């Protein structure tokens, strides 16, 4: 479901961002790994945007950041922007991470209401 351009960007051997997507019924799940920072923010934005457009409302867009070693605030800003766009189409963006540091970062950025956090992909899909 990802564009050729995005697959190329994610496959770049110098990229610090790794990601796969999976369709689960009406939902789409992004499994992110590596790092998201200012260097790959554009690729992250394309990834989240393309995955969001593939969701069939009312299915959620689930973004699993468990595999990320580093996530800059710009990554959360992209997620918050996309959460707003998704909400307009009747789609909820749900973040997955069992790490408390992610919850603290989301709360510190004032995004707790826009980015609900679940401990597992299954719990995010089951809601």
N, C-alpha and C. Protein backbone atom coordinates (compact mmCIF):
# COMPACT_ATOMS: atom_id res chain seq x y z
N UNK A 1 0.80 -1.19 0.00
CA UNK A 1 0.00 0.00 0.00
C UNK A 1 0.85 1.26 0.00
N UNK A 2 2.17 1.13 0.12
CA UNK A 2 3.05 2.30 0.13
C UNK A 2 3.52 2.61 -1.29
N UNK A 3 3.70 3.88 -1.57
CA UNK A 3 4.18 4.29 -2.89
C UNK A 3 5.60 3.78 -3.12
N UNK A 4 5.94 3.68 -4.38
CA UNK A 4 7.29 3.24 -4.76
C UNK A 4 8.33 4.19 -4.18
N UNK A 5 8.03 5.49 -4.23
CA UNK A 5 8.96 6.49 -3.69
C UNK A 5 9.22 6.26 -2.21
N UNK A 6 8.16 5.99 -1.46
CA UNK A 6 8.32 5.79 -0.02
C UNK A 6 9.07 4.49 0.27
N UNK A 7 8.78 3.45 -0.46
CA UNK A 7 9.49 2.18 -0.28
C UNK A 7 10.99 2.39 -0.55
N UNK A 8 11.29 3.19 -1.57
CA UNK A 8 12.69 3.51 -1.88
C UNK A 8 13.33 4.28 -0.73
N UNK A 9 12.64 5.30 -0.20
CA UNK A 9 13.18 6.09 0.90
C UNK A 9 13.44 5.22 2.14
N UNK A 10 12.49 4.36 2.46
CA UNK A 10 12.65 3.49 3.64
C UNK A 10 13.72 2.42 3.41
N UNK A 11 13.94 2.06 2.15
CA UNK A 11 14.94 1.04 1.84
C UNK A 11 16.35 1.57 1.68
N UNK A 12 16.50 2.87 1.74
CA UNK A 12 17.82 3.49 1.61
C UNK A 12 18.73 2.95 2.72
N UNK A 13 19.88 2.40 2.36
CA UNK A 13 20.77 1.83 3.39
C UNK A 13 21.26 2.84 4.42
N UNK A 14 21.18 4.13 4.10
CA UNK A 14 21.61 5.17 5.04
C UNK A 14 20.47 5.68 5.92
N UNK A 15 19.27 5.21 5.65
CA UNK A 15 18.12 5.67 6.43
C UNK A 15 18.16 5.08 7.84
N UNK A 16 17.83 5.90 8.82
CA UNK A 16 17.76 5.42 10.20
C UNK A 16 16.34 5.03 10.58
N UNK A 17 15.40 5.23 9.66
CA UNK A 17 14.00 4.86 9.90
C UNK A 17 13.68 3.59 9.14
N UNK A 18 13.10 2.64 9.86
CA UNK A 18 12.60 1.41 9.25
C UNK A 18 11.11 1.34 9.54
N UNK A 19 10.35 0.84 8.61
CA UNK A 19 8.91 0.73 8.86
C UNK A 19 8.27 -0.25 7.90
N UNK A 20 7.23 -0.89 8.40
CA UNK A 20 6.37 -1.72 7.57
C UNK A 20 4.93 -1.35 7.90
N UNK A 21 4.04 -1.66 6.99
CA UNK A 21 2.62 -1.44 7.24
C UNK A 21 1.89 -2.75 7.04
N UNK A 22 0.74 -2.84 7.70
CA UNK A 22 -0.07 -4.05 7.63
C UNK A 22 -1.53 -3.65 7.67
N UNK A 23 -2.31 -4.18 6.76
CA UNK A 23 -3.75 -3.92 6.78
C UNK A 23 -4.40 -5.00 7.63
N UNK A 24 -5.27 -4.57 8.54
CA UNK A 24 -6.05 -5.49 9.38
C UNK A 24 -7.51 -5.10 9.26
N UNK A 25 -8.19 -5.67 8.29
CA UNK A 25 -9.57 -5.28 8.03
C UNK A 25 -9.60 -3.85 7.54
N UNK A 26 -10.37 -3.01 8.21
CA UNK A 26 -10.46 -1.59 7.85
C UNK A 26 -9.29 -0.78 8.40
N UNK A 27 -8.54 -1.38 9.33
CA UNK A 27 -7.43 -0.67 10.00
C UNK A 27 -6.13 -0.84 9.23
N UNK A 28 -5.22 0.09 9.48
CA UNK A 28 -3.85 0.00 8.98
C UNK A 28 -2.93 0.17 10.18
N UNK A 29 -1.89 -0.68 10.25
CA UNK A 29 -0.92 -0.62 11.33
C UNK A 29 0.45 -0.28 10.74
N UNK A 30 1.10 0.71 11.32
CA UNK A 30 2.49 1.03 10.99
C UNK A 30 3.36 0.47 12.11
N UNK A 31 4.37 -0.31 11.74
CA UNK A 31 5.37 -0.78 12.70
C UNK A 31 6.65 -0.01 12.40
N UNK A 32 7.02 0.91 13.29
CA UNK A 32 8.18 1.77 13.07
C UNK A 32 9.35 1.30 13.92
N UNK A 33 10.55 1.40 13.34
CA UNK A 33 11.76 1.06 14.05
C UNK A 33 12.87 2.02 13.69
N UNK A 34 13.92 2.00 14.47
CA UNK A 34 15.06 2.89 14.22
C UNK A 34 14.89 4.22 14.89
N UNK A 35 14.98 5.29 14.11
CA UNK A 35 14.91 6.64 14.65
C UNK A 35 14.05 7.53 13.76
N UNK A 36 13.34 8.46 14.40
CA UNK A 36 12.64 9.52 13.66
C UNK A 36 13.16 10.84 14.22
N UNK A 37 13.77 11.62 13.35
CA UNK A 37 14.29 12.92 13.76
C UNK A 37 14.18 13.89 12.59
N UNK A 38 14.77 15.04 12.72
CA UNK A 38 14.66 16.07 11.68
C UNK A 38 15.21 15.59 10.34
N UNK A 39 16.17 14.67 10.36
CA UNK A 39 16.77 14.19 9.11
C UNK A 39 15.80 13.36 8.26
N UNK A 40 14.87 12.68 8.91
CA UNK A 40 13.94 11.85 8.14
C UNK A 40 12.48 12.22 8.40
N UNK A 41 12.26 13.41 8.88
CA UNK A 41 10.90 13.87 9.17
C UNK A 41 10.01 13.82 7.92
N UNK A 42 10.55 14.17 6.77
CA UNK A 42 9.76 14.15 5.54
C UNK A 42 9.33 12.73 5.19
N UNK A 43 10.23 11.79 5.32
CA UNK A 43 9.89 10.39 5.07
C UNK A 43 8.83 9.92 6.05
N UNK A 44 8.96 10.28 7.32
CA UNK A 44 7.98 9.94 8.36
C UNK A 44 6.61 10.52 8.00
N UNK A 45 6.61 11.78 7.58
CA UNK A 45 5.37 12.45 7.20
C UNK A 45 4.70 11.71 6.03
N UNK A 46 5.50 11.33 5.02
CA UNK A 46 4.95 10.59 3.89
C UNK A 46 4.40 9.23 4.33
N UNK A 47 5.13 8.55 5.18
CA UNK A 47 4.70 7.23 5.67
C UNK A 47 3.37 7.32 6.40
N UNK A 48 3.28 8.21 7.36
CA UNK A 48 2.06 8.33 8.16
C UNK A 48 0.90 8.79 7.28
N UNK A 49 1.17 9.73 6.38
CA UNK A 49 0.12 10.23 5.50
C UNK A 49 -0.41 9.16 4.55
N UNK A 50 0.49 8.41 3.92
CA UNK A 50 0.06 7.36 2.99
C UNK A 50 -0.72 6.27 3.73
N UNK A 51 -0.24 5.89 4.90
CA UNK A 51 -0.94 4.86 5.67
C UNK A 51 -2.31 5.35 6.10
N UNK A 52 -2.41 6.61 6.50
CA UNK A 52 -3.69 7.18 6.93
C UNK A 52 -4.70 7.17 5.80
N UNK A 53 -4.25 7.50 4.60
CA UNK A 53 -5.16 7.52 3.46
C UNK A 53 -5.64 6.12 3.07
N UNK A 54 -4.93 5.09 3.50
CA UNK A 54 -5.32 3.72 3.17
C UNK A 54 -6.34 3.14 4.15
N UNK A 55 -6.57 3.83 5.28
CA UNK A 55 -7.52 3.35 6.28
C UNK A 55 -8.95 3.57 5.78
N UNK A 56 -9.78 2.55 5.95
CA UNK A 56 -11.21 2.67 5.65
C UNK A 56 -11.94 3.03 6.93
N UNK A 57 -12.55 4.22 6.97
CA UNK A 57 -13.30 4.64 8.16
C UNK A 57 -14.41 3.63 8.42
N UNK A 58 -14.64 3.26 9.66
CA UNK A 58 -14.13 3.86 10.88
C UNK A 58 -12.90 3.15 11.46
N UNK A 59 -12.22 2.35 10.64
CA UNK A 59 -11.03 1.66 11.14
C UNK A 59 -9.99 2.63 11.64
N UNK A 60 -9.19 2.25 12.60
CA UNK A 60 -8.16 3.15 13.11
C UNK A 60 -6.86 3.07 12.32
N UNK A 61 -6.05 4.10 12.46
CA UNK A 61 -4.65 4.06 12.04
C UNK A 61 -3.87 3.82 13.32
N UNK A 62 -3.18 2.69 13.39
CA UNK A 62 -2.41 2.33 14.57
C UNK A 62 -0.93 2.49 14.24
N UNK A 63 -0.23 3.27 15.06
CA UNK A 63 1.20 3.53 14.84
C UNK A 63 1.96 2.94 16.01
N UNK A 64 2.64 1.82 15.74
CA UNK A 64 3.42 1.12 16.78
C UNK A 64 4.85 1.65 16.76
N UNK A 65 5.21 2.40 17.80
CA UNK A 65 6.54 2.98 17.89
C UNK A 65 7.44 2.20 18.85
N UNK A 66 7.01 1.01 19.21
CA UNK A 66 7.78 0.18 20.15
C UNK A 66 9.20 -0.06 19.66
N UNK A 67 9.38 -0.19 18.35
CA UNK A 67 10.70 -0.47 17.79
C UNK A 67 11.58 0.73 17.59
N UNK A 68 11.09 1.93 17.92
CA UNK A 68 11.92 3.12 17.76
C UNK A 68 12.92 3.25 18.90
N UNK A 69 14.15 3.54 18.55
CA UNK A 69 15.19 3.81 19.54
C UNK A 69 15.19 5.29 19.93
N UNK A 70 14.71 6.13 19.01
CA UNK A 70 14.67 7.57 19.25
C UNK A 70 13.49 8.16 18.48
N UNK A 71 12.77 9.07 19.14
CA UNK A 71 11.65 9.74 18.50
C UNK A 71 11.69 11.20 18.91
N UNK A 72 12.02 12.06 17.98
CA UNK A 72 12.09 13.50 18.26
C UNK A 72 10.68 14.07 18.33
N UNK A 73 10.57 15.25 18.88
CA UNK A 73 9.28 15.93 18.99
C UNK A 73 8.64 16.15 17.62
N UNK A 74 9.45 16.31 16.58
CA UNK A 74 8.89 16.50 15.24
C UNK A 74 8.09 15.28 14.81
N UNK A 75 8.46 14.10 15.28
CA UNK A 75 7.70 12.89 14.96
C UNK A 75 6.32 12.94 15.59
N UNK A 76 6.25 13.43 16.81
CA UNK A 76 4.95 13.58 17.48
C UNK A 76 4.11 14.66 16.82
N UNK A 77 4.75 15.73 16.36
CA UNK A 77 4.01 16.79 15.68
C UNK A 77 3.36 16.26 14.41
N UNK A 78 4.06 15.43 13.67
CA UNK A 78 3.49 14.81 12.46
C UNK A 78 2.29 13.95 12.84
N UNK A 79 2.43 13.16 13.90
CA UNK A 79 1.33 12.31 14.34
C UNK A 79 0.12 13.14 14.77
N UNK A 80 0.37 14.23 15.47
CA UNK A 80 -0.74 15.09 15.93
C UNK A 80 -1.46 15.72 14.75
N UNK A 81 -0.71 16.20 13.76
CA UNK A 81 -1.32 16.78 12.56
C UNK A 81 -2.16 15.73 11.84
N UNK A 82 -1.60 14.53 11.71
CA UNK A 82 -2.33 13.48 11.01
C UNK A 82 -3.55 13.02 11.81
N UNK A 83 -3.45 13.04 13.13
CA UNK A 83 -4.60 12.68 13.98
C UNK A 83 -5.76 13.63 13.71
N UNK A 84 -5.47 14.92 13.55
CA UNK A 84 -6.51 15.90 13.23
C UNK A 84 -7.14 15.60 11.87
N UNK A 85 -6.30 15.33 10.87
CA UNK A 85 -6.80 15.02 9.53
C UNK A 85 -7.64 13.73 9.55
N UNK A 86 -7.15 12.74 10.26
CA UNK A 86 -7.87 11.46 10.35
C UNK A 86 -9.24 11.65 11.00
N UNK A 87 -9.27 12.42 12.06
CA UNK A 87 -10.52 12.64 12.79
C UNK A 87 -11.59 13.23 11.88
N UNK A 88 -11.20 14.09 10.96
CA UNK A 88 -12.14 14.69 10.02
C UNK A 88 -12.77 13.65 9.09
N UNK A 89 -12.08 12.54 8.89
CA UNK A 89 -12.59 11.46 8.03
C UNK A 89 -13.22 10.33 8.83
N UNK A 90 -13.31 10.50 10.16
CA UNK A 90 -13.90 9.45 10.99
C UNK A 90 -12.93 8.34 11.34
N UNK A 91 -11.64 8.64 11.29
CA UNK A 91 -10.59 7.66 11.61
C UNK A 91 -9.85 8.14 12.85
N UNK A 92 -9.56 7.23 13.76
CA UNK A 92 -8.80 7.59 14.96
C UNK A 92 -7.37 7.09 14.82
N UNK A 93 -6.41 7.96 15.10
CA UNK A 93 -5.01 7.56 15.15
C UNK A 93 -4.73 7.10 16.56
N UNK A 94 -4.16 5.90 16.69
CA UNK A 94 -3.84 5.32 18.00
C UNK A 94 -2.36 4.97 18.02
N UNK A 95 -1.70 5.41 19.06
CA UNK A 95 -0.27 5.19 19.23
C UNK A 95 -0.05 3.97 20.11
N UNK A 96 0.95 3.15 19.78
CA UNK A 96 1.27 1.97 20.58
C UNK A 96 2.68 2.08 21.11
N UNK A 97 2.80 1.99 22.42
CA UNK A 97 4.10 1.93 23.07
C UNK A 97 3.91 1.53 24.53
N UNK A 98 4.61 0.51 24.98
CA UNK A 98 4.56 0.16 26.39
C UNK A 98 5.54 0.98 27.24
N UNK A 99 6.31 1.84 26.60
CA UNK A 99 7.34 2.60 27.30
C UNK A 99 6.77 3.87 27.91
N UNK A 100 6.97 4.05 29.20
CA UNK A 100 6.45 5.25 29.89
C UNK A 100 7.06 6.54 29.35
N UNK A 101 8.27 6.47 28.83
CA UNK A 101 8.91 7.67 28.32
C UNK A 101 8.10 8.25 27.15
N UNK A 102 7.47 7.40 26.36
CA UNK A 102 6.64 7.88 25.25
C UNK A 102 5.40 8.59 25.80
N UNK A 103 4.78 8.01 26.81
CA UNK A 103 3.62 8.64 27.44
C UNK A 103 4.01 10.00 28.02
N UNK A 104 5.15 10.06 28.69
CA UNK A 104 5.61 11.33 29.26
C UNK A 104 5.88 12.37 28.18
N UNK A 105 6.47 11.95 27.08
CA UNK A 105 6.77 12.86 25.99
C UNK A 105 5.49 13.37 25.34
N UNK A 106 4.53 12.49 25.12
CA UNK A 106 3.25 12.91 24.55
C UNK A 106 2.55 13.90 25.48
N UNK A 107 2.54 13.59 26.76
CA UNK A 107 1.92 14.50 27.73
C UNK A 107 2.66 15.83 27.83
N UNK A 108 3.99 15.80 27.81
CA UNK A 108 4.78 17.02 27.90
C UNK A 108 4.54 17.94 26.70
N UNK A 109 4.24 17.34 25.55
CA UNK A 109 3.96 18.12 24.35
C UNK A 109 2.50 18.55 24.28
N UNK A 110 1.69 18.17 25.29
CA UNK A 110 0.28 18.54 25.33
C UNK A 110 -0.56 17.81 24.30
N UNK A 111 -0.16 16.59 23.95
CA UNK A 111 -0.85 15.86 22.89
C UNK A 111 -1.62 14.63 23.39
N UNK A 112 -1.79 14.53 24.70
CA UNK A 112 -2.43 13.36 25.29
C UNK A 112 -3.84 13.10 24.77
N UNK A 113 -4.59 14.16 24.48
CA UNK A 113 -5.96 13.95 23.99
C UNK A 113 -5.99 13.60 22.50
N UNK A 114 -4.99 14.03 21.76
CA UNK A 114 -4.94 13.74 20.32
C UNK A 114 -4.34 12.38 20.02
N UNK A 115 -3.43 11.93 20.88
CA UNK A 115 -2.70 10.69 20.62
C UNK A 115 -2.90 9.69 21.76
N UNK A 116 -4.02 8.96 21.74
CA UNK A 116 -4.21 7.95 22.77
C UNK A 116 -3.16 6.85 22.62
N UNK A 117 -2.63 6.41 23.76
CA UNK A 117 -1.55 5.43 23.76
C UNK A 117 -2.05 4.10 24.32
N UNK A 118 -1.69 3.03 23.62
CA UNK A 118 -2.06 1.67 24.01
C UNK A 118 -0.79 0.86 24.21
N UNK A 119 -0.84 -0.16 25.09
CA UNK A 119 0.38 -0.94 25.35
C UNK A 119 0.73 -1.93 24.25
N UNK A 120 -0.26 -2.37 23.45
CA UNK A 120 -0.02 -3.35 22.39
C UNK A 120 -0.86 -3.01 21.16
N UNK A 121 -0.46 -3.54 20.03
CA UNK A 121 -1.24 -3.36 18.81
C UNK A 121 -2.62 -4.00 18.98
N UNK A 122 -2.65 -5.19 19.58
CA UNK A 122 -3.93 -5.87 19.77
C UNK A 122 -4.90 -5.04 20.60
N UNK A 123 -4.41 -4.40 21.66
CA UNK A 123 -5.29 -3.57 22.49
C UNK A 123 -5.76 -2.33 21.72
N UNK A 124 -4.89 -1.78 20.88
CA UNK A 124 -5.28 -0.62 20.08
C UNK A 124 -6.35 -1.00 19.04
N UNK A 125 -6.22 -2.18 18.48
CA UNK A 125 -7.20 -2.64 17.50
C UNK A 125 -8.52 -3.05 18.14
N UNK A 126 -8.44 -3.54 19.36
CA UNK A 126 -9.64 -4.05 20.05
C UNK A 126 -10.54 -2.95 20.59
N UNK A 127 -10.01 -1.77 20.77
CA UNK A 127 -10.80 -0.68 21.37
C UNK A 127 -12.04 -0.39 20.59
